[in-house]
Amino acid sequence: MISRTTYQNRRKKLFEKLKNNSIAILHSGYHQFRTADSEYPFVVNNNFYYLTGIDQADVTLVIGKFNEDYKEWLFLDEIDEVMAKWVGRTLYKEEAADISGINLECIVYNASFNQFLTNHLQPTRHFVDVAEIVYLDLEKRPQPLYNTFALVLSKKLHKEYPSIKIENLYAMVLRMRMIKDQEEIELICQSIHTTKRAIYNVMNHAKEHDMETMAEAYHNFILIKENKQISFESIIASGKNATILHYVDNNSKIEKDSLLLMDVGCYTNHYSSDISRTFPTSGIFTARQKEIYEIVLDCNKKCIEFAKAGMSWKELNDFAKAILARGCKKLGLIKDDTELSRYYFHSIGHSLGLDVHDPSIDNIGLLEGMVITIEPGLYIEEEGIGIRIEDNIVITKEKAILLSKDIIKEVEDIEKMMKSN
């Protein structure tokens, strides 16, 4: 669990980045409708959650900086006793205060939010602190899928308070989220341990499933048993399907002597794991499978040894590609390094945290305290072989810390485990 003291410290750290006479507004998000009368499970905005620890729809955090003084407010729904009987009740103010560390007297109901804005944005109101700048969490999206709270509020402020300057705090929070503290790393480790047990459950019952769906069921059983949710759509890919990077159909027959690639993860208190392992469904690698697997494994281990604070993602990617290119030449797959993209066409890794692909800032390389994935692979469609080996590490100034070290990946260990079952 993340302590409320940590949430308090995060908010104060963000406060220090704000300009004077400003307010920062972050929203938890809304329920999204699946059909006319049913909703998707609620997914909280991770920047909001990072600063409050509150997982509830339509809650708003406001941080104020007036004459260098720190102020904060939390707006949430009043308890609806009728809805509570149907879908469960929302948080009491006291519960929100206990989770977030925000003073109880600073937690108010959503009905007062518009008046709050009027009070703090009207330049004629001298009896309260008046903001000249409003920071909004205008997250970067590939396309405007829907109007977020921040986007709608931005348009409202432009129209009703044209003198107010609007600035984006998205990157500010991302920079904070990039570096993980020990509480966060512990939660990621808990997710990794559950993922380990889920992968092992599939391996231990490999002879009992001839369909990818059954393999996925053995994986999901462990998550359900441990009250965890998948952090992304599981990839359970056998044979040629494993050469498709984001294959999630998971519904094909598992052919005899094929490999099974699992790229899976789960959440613990919103913090994700992301692990890939590849193993022979027969329990024994063929000579060709082993030859290819060892090249990917060598790249995986060498990249973990190589990664450290101060290097760029490009350096790490280029290092990985050089190893894989040498291996592909040895296998007779390519003659020139430029041909590698036929068999390896993704990055060596990504940031990991509240999002399985935790956001990162352009042109910022590896920093001490970042948690990232290392996931080299080779995808040989013409042979029906796809292999990826993915681990989660913490970046330090020297040698990276391998968080997923307990999940076996050596050929001998995999074959030994599967033989014993």
Foldseek 3Di string as FASTA:
>chain_A
DDALVQLVVLLVVLLVVDDAQEKEKEAQWAWDPPDPPHTDPDDGDVLVCNNQVDNDHGKMKMWHHYPNDTDIAIEAADWDVVVCVVPRTDDDLVVSCRRNVHDSVRYYYPVCVVVVLVCADDPVNPVDRHHQEYEYAPDDDPDCPDQIPRNVVVVVCCVPPVRRHYHYCNVVSLVVQQFDDPVQLVQQLVFLVLQLVLQLQLLQCLVVAFFLVVSVVSSVVSCVVVVKDWQDQKQWDKFLRLLDPPDRPRGDTHDAQIKTWIFTWIGDSLFIYTWIAIDTSVLAHDPVRQLQLVLQVVLLVVLLQVFAAPDAQVVSQVSSLVSVQVSCVVVVNDDDSVPQCVWWPDGQKAFGTSHNRRDDDPPHGAHQRTKMKGKTWTNDNVRRDIGIGIFIWGHYRHGIHTSNVVRDHDNVVSSVSSVVD
